[in-house]
Amino acid sequence: MKIRKFFYIILGILFLGFWGYSYYQWWLDIPWRERWKKLKENPELFYSKEIELKGEVINPYTIVGTTISVYVLEFENYRYDVVSYTGIPEEKSKIIVKGKIKRDFKVETHFGNRKIIKTFPWVIIEEERREAQ
């Protein structure tokens, strides 16, 4: 009987520890969540202004014939395209990006006698990138 009671106590402590740590991680992301929410509600407010966002890299690629790389920055259910001149980050890496918001950003290049045009309705032009904790 004592062993069973001891087992339930240890199990309860582990559960509370896990729940507490998960809440702490969620609490740390509140400022980032608020920034993403404001950006998605009204991107015009941030047009040509510097912004810093945290997220996970999804679908990185390079535009053929240029040194420009593009990736999607995702945080929970928010997504934004990021254009980078400094290289491609690793997929699924968690980063913090500082850059300016631009609208109707167009990239034109020639590759193999073809003109390639890529247009982004809203995009972040990356100025700085660092690993997130």
N, C-alpha and C. Protein backbone atom coordinates (compact mmCIF):
# COMPACT_ATOMS: atom_id res chain seq x y z
N MET A 1 0.82 -1.20 0.00
CA MET A 1 0.00 0.00 0.00
C MET A 1 0.86 1.26 0.00
N LYS A 2 1.95 1.24 0.79
CA LYS A 2 2.83 2.41 0.85
C LYS A 2 3.52 2.65 -0.49
N ILE A 3 3.87 1.58 -1.19
CA ILE A 3 4.56 1.72 -2.48
C ILE A 3 3.62 2.33 -3.52
N ARG A 4 2.36 1.89 -3.50
CA ARG A 4 1.38 2.43 -4.44
C ARG A 4 1.15 3.92 -4.19
N LYS A 5 1.03 4.31 -2.95
CA LYS A 5 0.83 5.70 -2.60
C LYS A 5 2.05 6.53 -3.00
N PHE A 6 3.23 6.01 -2.76
CA PHE A 6 4.48 6.67 -3.14
C PHE A 6 4.54 6.84 -4.67
N PHE A 7 4.14 5.82 -5.40
CA PHE A 7 4.12 5.87 -6.86
C PHE A 7 3.19 6.98 -7.35
N TYR A 8 1.99 7.09 -6.79
CA TYR A 8 1.05 8.13 -7.20
C TYR A 8 1.56 9.53 -6.85
N ILE A 9 2.23 9.66 -5.74
CA ILE A 9 2.80 10.96 -5.37
C ILE A 9 3.87 11.36 -6.37
N ILE A 10 4.77 10.44 -6.71
CA ILE A 10 5.83 10.73 -7.68
C ILE A 10 5.21 11.06 -9.05
N LEU A 11 4.22 10.30 -9.45
CA LEU A 11 3.54 10.55 -10.72
C LEU A 11 2.89 11.93 -10.73
N GLY A 12 2.26 12.33 -9.64
CA GLY A 12 1.64 13.65 -9.52
C GLY A 12 2.67 14.76 -9.59
N ILE A 13 3.81 14.57 -8.93
CA ILE A 13 4.88 15.58 -8.96
C ILE A 13 5.42 15.73 -10.38
N LEU A 14 5.63 14.62 -11.07
CA LEU A 14 6.10 14.69 -12.45
C LEU A 14 5.10 15.39 -13.36
N PHE A 15 3.81 15.08 -13.18
CA PHE A 15 2.78 15.72 -13.98
C PHE A 15 2.75 17.23 -13.73
N LEU A 16 2.79 17.64 -12.47
CA LEU A 16 2.78 19.07 -12.14
C LEU A 16 4.03 19.76 -12.66
N GLY A 17 5.17 19.08 -12.59
CA GLY A 17 6.40 19.65 -13.13
C GLY A 17 6.32 19.86 -14.63
N PHE A 18 5.81 18.87 -15.34
CA PHE A 18 5.65 18.99 -16.78
C PHE A 18 4.67 20.11 -17.12
N TRP A 19 3.54 20.15 -16.43
CA TRP A 19 2.53 21.17 -16.68
C TRP A 19 3.09 22.57 -16.38
N GLY A 20 3.82 22.70 -15.29
CA GLY A 20 4.43 23.99 -14.92
C GLY A 20 5.44 24.46 -15.96
N TYR A 21 6.28 23.54 -16.44
CA TYR A 21 7.28 23.90 -17.44
C TYR A 21 6.60 24.30 -18.75
N SER A 22 5.56 23.59 -19.16
CA SER A 22 4.85 23.91 -20.40
C SER A 22 4.20 25.29 -20.30
N TYR A 23 3.61 25.60 -19.16
CA TYR A 23 3.01 26.91 -18.95
C TYR A 23 4.08 28.00 -18.98
N TYR A 24 5.23 27.73 -18.39
CA TYR A 24 6.32 28.69 -18.37
C TYR A 24 6.79 28.99 -19.80
N GLN A 25 6.94 27.96 -20.63
CA GLN A 25 7.34 28.16 -22.03
C GLN A 25 6.28 28.97 -22.78
N TRP A 26 5.01 28.69 -22.56
CA TRP A 26 3.94 29.45 -23.18
C TRP A 26 3.98 30.89 -22.74
N TRP A 27 4.23 31.12 -21.46
CA TRP A 27 4.27 32.46 -20.89
C TRP A 27 5.42 33.27 -21.48
N LEU A 28 6.56 32.63 -21.74
CA LEU A 28 7.70 33.33 -22.32
C LEU A 28 7.41 33.85 -23.73
N ASP A 29 6.52 33.18 -24.46
CA ASP A 29 6.21 33.55 -25.84
C ASP A 29 5.10 34.59 -25.97
N ILE A 30 4.55 35.07 -24.89
CA ILE A 30 3.45 36.04 -24.96
C ILE A 30 3.83 37.31 -25.74
N PRO A 31 5.00 37.93 -25.51
CA PRO A 31 5.33 39.13 -26.30
C PRO A 31 5.41 38.85 -27.80
N TRP A 32 5.97 37.69 -28.16
CA TRP A 32 6.07 37.33 -29.58
C TRP A 32 4.68 37.12 -30.16
N ARG A 33 3.82 36.47 -29.42
CA ARG A 33 2.46 36.19 -29.88
C ARG A 33 1.71 37.50 -30.14
N GLU A 34 1.89 38.48 -29.27
CA GLU A 34 1.23 39.78 -29.44
C GLU A 34 1.72 40.49 -30.70
N ARG A 35 3.04 40.44 -30.95
CA ARG A 35 3.58 41.06 -32.17
C ARG A 35 3.01 40.43 -33.43
N TRP A 36 3.00 39.09 -33.46
CA TRP A 36 2.46 38.39 -34.62
C TRP A 36 0.99 38.76 -34.83
N LYS A 37 0.25 38.81 -33.75
CA LYS A 37 -1.19 39.12 -33.83
C LYS A 37 -1.40 40.51 -34.42
N LYS A 38 -0.65 41.51 -33.92
CA LYS A 38 -0.78 42.87 -34.43
C LYS A 38 -0.37 42.96 -35.89
N LEU A 39 0.68 42.24 -36.27
CA LEU A 39 1.14 42.25 -37.66
C LEU A 39 0.10 41.65 -38.60
N LYS A 40 -0.51 40.56 -38.21
CA LYS A 40 -1.51 39.92 -39.07
C LYS A 40 -2.80 40.72 -39.14
N GLU A 41 -3.18 41.38 -38.05
CA GLU A 41 -4.41 42.17 -38.05
C GLU A 41 -4.29 43.41 -38.93
N ASN A 42 -3.12 44.07 -38.88
CA ASN A 42 -2.95 45.31 -39.62
C ASN A 42 -1.51 45.46 -40.10
N PRO A 43 -1.14 44.82 -41.23
CA PRO A 43 0.24 44.94 -41.71
C PRO A 43 0.60 46.35 -42.15
N GLU A 44 -0.39 47.16 -42.53
CA GLU A 44 -0.13 48.54 -42.94
C GLU A 44 0.53 49.35 -41.82
N LEU A 45 0.21 48.99 -40.59
CA LEU A 45 0.78 49.69 -39.44
C LEU A 45 2.29 49.54 -39.37
N PHE A 46 2.82 48.43 -39.89
CA PHE A 46 4.24 48.14 -39.80
C PHE A 46 4.98 48.37 -41.12
N TYR A 47 4.29 48.89 -42.14
CA TYR A 47 4.89 49.07 -43.45
C TYR A 47 6.14 49.95 -43.37
N SER A 48 7.24 49.47 -43.92
CA SER A 48 8.55 50.15 -43.96
C SER A 48 9.12 50.41 -42.56
N LYS A 49 8.61 49.72 -41.57
CA LYS A 49 9.15 49.85 -40.22
C LYS A 49 9.90 48.58 -39.85
N GLU A 50 10.83 48.71 -38.94
CA GLU A 50 11.60 47.56 -38.49
C GLU A 50 10.79 46.77 -37.47
N ILE A 51 10.85 45.44 -37.60
CA ILE A 51 10.13 44.57 -36.69
C ILE A 51 11.00 43.36 -36.39
N GLU A 52 10.79 42.79 -35.22
CA GLU A 52 11.52 41.60 -34.82
C GLU A 52 10.51 40.50 -34.49
N LEU A 53 10.67 39.33 -35.14
CA LEU A 53 9.73 38.23 -34.96
C LEU A 53 10.46 36.93 -34.69
N LYS A 54 9.84 36.09 -33.89
CA LYS A 54 10.37 34.76 -33.57
C LYS A 54 9.53 33.73 -34.30
N GLY A 55 10.18 32.68 -34.79
CA GLY A 55 9.41 31.64 -35.45
C GLY A 55 10.28 30.48 -35.90
N GLU A 56 9.64 29.58 -36.61
CA GLU A 56 10.30 28.38 -37.14
C GLU A 56 10.38 28.49 -38.65
N VAL A 57 11.51 28.10 -39.21
CA VAL A 57 11.73 28.20 -40.65
C VAL A 57 11.02 27.05 -41.36
N ILE A 58 10.23 27.40 -42.37
CA ILE A 58 9.50 26.43 -43.17
C ILE A 58 9.83 26.70 -44.65
N ASN A 59 10.08 25.66 -45.41
CA ASN A 59 10.24 25.72 -46.86
C ASN A 59 11.25 26.76 -47.35
N PRO A 60 12.53 26.67 -46.95
CA PRO A 60 13.52 27.62 -47.47
C PRO A 60 13.95 27.25 -48.89
N TYR A 61 14.16 28.25 -49.73
CA TYR A 61 14.65 28.02 -51.09
C TYR A 61 15.36 29.27 -51.60
N THR A 62 16.13 29.09 -52.70
CA THR A 62 16.83 30.19 -53.35
C THR A 62 16.15 30.47 -54.68
N ILE A 63 16.01 31.74 -55.02
CA ILE A 63 15.45 32.11 -56.31
C ILE A 63 16.55 31.92 -57.35
N VAL A 64 16.27 31.15 -58.37
CA VAL A 64 17.25 30.79 -59.39
C VAL A 64 17.83 32.03 -60.05
N GLY A 65 19.15 32.06 -60.19
CA GLY A 65 19.82 33.16 -60.86
C GLY A 65 20.10 34.36 -59.98
N THR A 66 19.82 34.25 -58.68
CA THR A 66 20.07 35.36 -57.76
C THR A 66 20.74 34.84 -56.49
N THR A 67 21.13 35.75 -55.65
CA THR A 67 21.66 35.38 -54.33
C THR A 67 20.60 35.54 -53.26
N ILE A 68 19.36 35.68 -53.68
CA ILE A 68 18.25 35.91 -52.76
C ILE A 68 17.65 34.57 -52.35
N SER A 69 17.48 34.39 -51.04
CA SER A 69 16.80 33.21 -50.55
C SER A 69 15.50 33.63 -49.86
N VAL A 70 14.55 32.74 -49.88
CA VAL A 70 13.22 33.01 -49.33
C VAL A 70 12.82 31.85 -48.43
N TYR A 71 12.18 32.15 -47.33
CA TYR A 71 11.63 31.12 -46.46
C TYR A 71 10.39 31.66 -45.77
N VAL A 72 9.62 30.75 -45.24
CA VAL A 72 8.41 31.12 -44.51
C VAL A 72 8.74 31.03 -43.02
N LEU A 73 8.45 32.08 -42.29
CA LEU A 73 8.62 32.10 -40.84
C LEU A 73 7.26 31.80 -40.23
N GLU A 74 7.20 30.77 -39.39
CA GLU A 74 5.92 30.33 -38.82
C GLU A 74 6.01 30.35 -37.29
N PHE A 75 4.98 30.92 -36.67
CA PHE A 75 4.87 30.92 -35.21
C PHE A 75 3.43 30.56 -34.87
N GLU A 76 3.27 29.40 -34.25
CA GLU A 76 1.94 28.85 -33.95
C GLU A 76 1.12 28.79 -35.23
N ASN A 77 0.10 29.62 -35.41
CA ASN A 77 -0.68 29.56 -36.65
C ASN A 77 -0.47 30.80 -37.52
N TYR A 78 0.58 31.57 -37.26
CA TYR A 78 0.91 32.75 -38.05
C TYR A 78 2.05 32.41 -39.01
N ARG A 79 2.01 32.95 -40.23
CA ARG A 79 3.05 32.71 -41.23
C ARG A 79 3.37 34.00 -41.97
N TYR A 80 4.64 34.16 -42.34
CA TYR A 80 5.06 35.32 -43.12
C TYR A 80 6.25 34.95 -43.97
N ASP A 81 6.29 35.45 -45.22
CA ASP A 81 7.44 35.23 -46.09
C ASP A 81 8.57 36.15 -45.68
N VAL A 82 9.80 35.63 -45.73
CA VAL A 82 11.00 36.40 -45.40
C VAL A 82 11.97 36.29 -46.57
N VAL A 83 12.49 37.42 -47.02
CA VAL A 83 13.50 37.46 -48.07
C VAL A 83 14.83 37.76 -47.42
N SER A 84 15.83 36.94 -47.75
CA SER A 84 17.14 37.07 -47.12
C SER A 84 18.22 37.19 -48.18
N TYR A 85 19.18 38.07 -47.94
CA TYR A 85 20.34 38.21 -48.81
C TYR A 85 21.56 37.54 -48.19
N THR A 86 21.42 36.99 -47.00
CA THR A 86 22.56 36.43 -46.26
C THR A 86 22.62 34.91 -46.28
N GLY A 87 21.71 34.24 -46.97
CA GLY A 87 21.75 32.80 -47.05
C GLY A 87 20.47 32.15 -46.54
N ILE A 88 20.45 30.83 -46.65
CA ILE A 88 19.27 30.07 -46.28
C ILE A 88 19.43 29.47 -44.89
N PRO A 89 18.50 29.69 -43.98
CA PRO A 89 18.57 29.01 -42.69
C PRO A 89 18.12 27.55 -42.83
N GLU A 90 18.48 26.75 -41.89
CA GLU A 90 18.10 25.34 -41.90
C GLU A 90 16.60 25.20 -41.64
N GLU A 91 15.98 24.27 -42.36
CA GLU A 91 14.54 24.03 -42.16
C GLU A 91 14.28 23.52 -40.75
N LYS A 92 13.17 23.95 -40.18
CA LYS A 92 12.72 23.61 -38.83
C LYS A 92 13.56 24.26 -37.73
N SER A 93 14.50 25.15 -38.10
CA SER A 93 15.28 25.83 -37.06
C SER A 93 14.44 26.96 -36.47
N LYS A 94 14.62 27.23 -35.20
CA LYS A 94 13.90 28.30 -34.51
C LYS A 94 14.81 29.52 -34.49
N ILE A 95 14.32 30.63 -35.07
CA ILE A 95 15.13 31.83 -35.21
C ILE A 95 14.34 33.07 -34.82
N ILE A 96 15.09 34.15 -34.64
CA ILE A 96 14.52 35.48 -34.45
C ILE A 96 15.02 36.34 -35.60
N VAL A 97 14.08 36.94 -36.32
CA VAL A 97 14.41 37.73 -37.50
C VAL A 97 14.11 39.20 -37.23
N LYS A 98 15.05 40.05 -37.60
CA LYS A 98 14.82 41.50 -37.53
C LYS A 98 14.87 42.01 -38.97
N GLY A 99 13.86 42.78 -39.35
CA GLY A 99 13.82 43.28 -40.71
C GLY A 99 12.70 44.28 -40.91
N LYS A 100 12.55 44.71 -42.17
CA LYS A 100 11.51 45.68 -42.51
C LYS A 100 10.41 45.00 -43.33
N ILE A 101 9.20 45.46 -43.10
CA ILE A 101 8.04 44.95 -43.82
C ILE A 101 7.91 45.73 -45.13
N LYS A 102 7.77 44.99 -46.23
CA LYS A 102 7.57 45.61 -47.54
C LYS A 102 6.32 45.02 -48.19
N ARG A 103 5.72 45.80 -49.06
CA ARG A 103 4.54 45.35 -49.78
C ARG A 103 4.85 45.29 -51.27
N ASP A 104 4.25 44.32 -51.96
CA ASP A 104 4.43 44.14 -53.40
C ASP A 104 5.91 44.09 -53.79
N PHE A 105 6.66 43.27 -53.09
CA PHE A 105 8.09 43.11 -53.35
C PHE A 105 8.28 42.19 -54.55
N LYS A 106 9.05 42.66 -55.53
CA LYS A 106 9.22 41.89 -56.77
C LYS A 106 10.70 41.57 -56.99
N VAL A 107 10.96 40.32 -57.38
CA VAL A 107 12.30 39.89 -57.74
C VAL A 107 12.26 39.46 -59.20
N GLU A 108 13.12 40.07 -60.02
CA GLU A 108 13.21 39.71 -61.44
C GLU A 108 14.62 39.23 -61.73
N THR A 109 14.72 38.15 -62.51
CA THR A 109 16.02 37.62 -62.88
C THR A 109 15.91 36.92 -64.23
N HIS A 110 17.05 36.72 -64.86
CA HIS A 110 17.12 35.97 -66.11
C HIS A 110 17.94 34.73 -65.87
N PHE A 111 17.41 33.59 -66.30
CA PHE A 111 18.11 32.33 -66.14
C PHE A 111 17.78 31.44 -67.33
N GLY A 112 18.83 31.06 -68.07
CA GLY A 112 18.61 30.18 -69.22
C GLY A 112 17.69 30.79 -70.26
N ASN A 113 17.92 32.05 -70.62
CA ASN A 113 17.10 32.78 -71.60
C ASN A 113 15.63 32.88 -71.19
N ARG A 114 15.35 32.78 -69.93
CA ARG A 114 13.99 32.95 -69.42
C ARG A 114 13.98 34.05 -68.38
N LYS A 115 12.94 34.82 -68.40
CA LYS A 115 12.77 35.86 -67.38
C LYS A 115 11.94 35.27 -66.25
N ILE A 116 12.48 35.31 -65.05
CA ILE A 116 11.78 34.78 -63.87
C ILE A 116 11.36 35.95 -63.00
N ILE A 117 10.07 36.02 -62.70
CA ILE A 117 9.53 37.08 -61.85
C ILE A 117 8.82 36.43 -60.67
N LYS A 118 9.20 36.84 -59.48
CA LYS A 118 8.57 36.34 -58.26
C LYS A 118 8.08 37.56 -57.48
N THR A 119 6.79 37.60 -57.17
CA THR A 119 6.19 38.73 -56.45
C THR A 119 5.63 38.26 -55.12
N PHE A 120 5.86 39.06 -54.09
CA PHE A 120 5.35 38.76 -52.75
C PHE A 120 4.43 39.90 -52.33
N PRO A 121 3.18 39.62 -51.95
CA PRO A 121 2.27 40.69 -51.53
C PRO A 121 2.77 41.41 -50.28
N TRP A 122 3.16 40.67 -49.25
CA TRP A 122 3.74 41.22 -48.03
C TRP A 122 4.95 40.36 -47.68
N VAL A 123 6.05 41.00 -47.32
CA VAL A 123 7.28 40.26 -47.05
C VAL A 123 8.12 41.00 -46.03
N ILE A 124 8.93 40.26 -45.31
CA ILE A 124 9.91 40.85 -44.39
C ILE A 124 11.27 40.77 -45.09
N ILE A 125 11.95 41.90 -45.22
CA ILE A 125 13.31 41.93 -45.76
C ILE A 125 14.26 41.77 -44.58
N GLU A 126 14.90 40.62 -44.50
CA GLU A 126 15.74 40.28 -43.35
C GLU A 126 16.98 41.18 -43.29
N GLU A 127 17.21 41.75 -42.12
CA GLU A 127 18.42 42.53 -41.86
C GLU A 127 19.34 41.79 -40.90
N GLU A 128 18.74 41.05 -40.00
CA GLU A 128 19.52 40.30 -38.99
C GLU A 128 18.75 39.04 -38.63
N ARG A 129 19.52 37.97 -38.37
CA ARG A 129 18.90 36.70 -37.99
C ARG A 129 19.75 36.05 -36.92
N ARG A 130 19.09 35.49 -35.89
CA ARG A 130 19.83 34.79 -34.84
C ARG A 130 19.01 33.61 -34.33
N GLU A 131 19.69 32.70 -33.70
CA GLU A 131 19.03 31.53 -33.13
C GLU A 131 18.16 31.93 -31.95
N ALA A 132 17.02 31.29 -31.83
CA ALA A 132 16.13 31.53 -30.68
C ALA A 132 16.38 30.43 -29.64
N GLN A 133 16.13 30.74 -28.38
CA GLN A 133 16.30 29.74 -27.33
C GLN A 133 15.10 28.83 -27.27
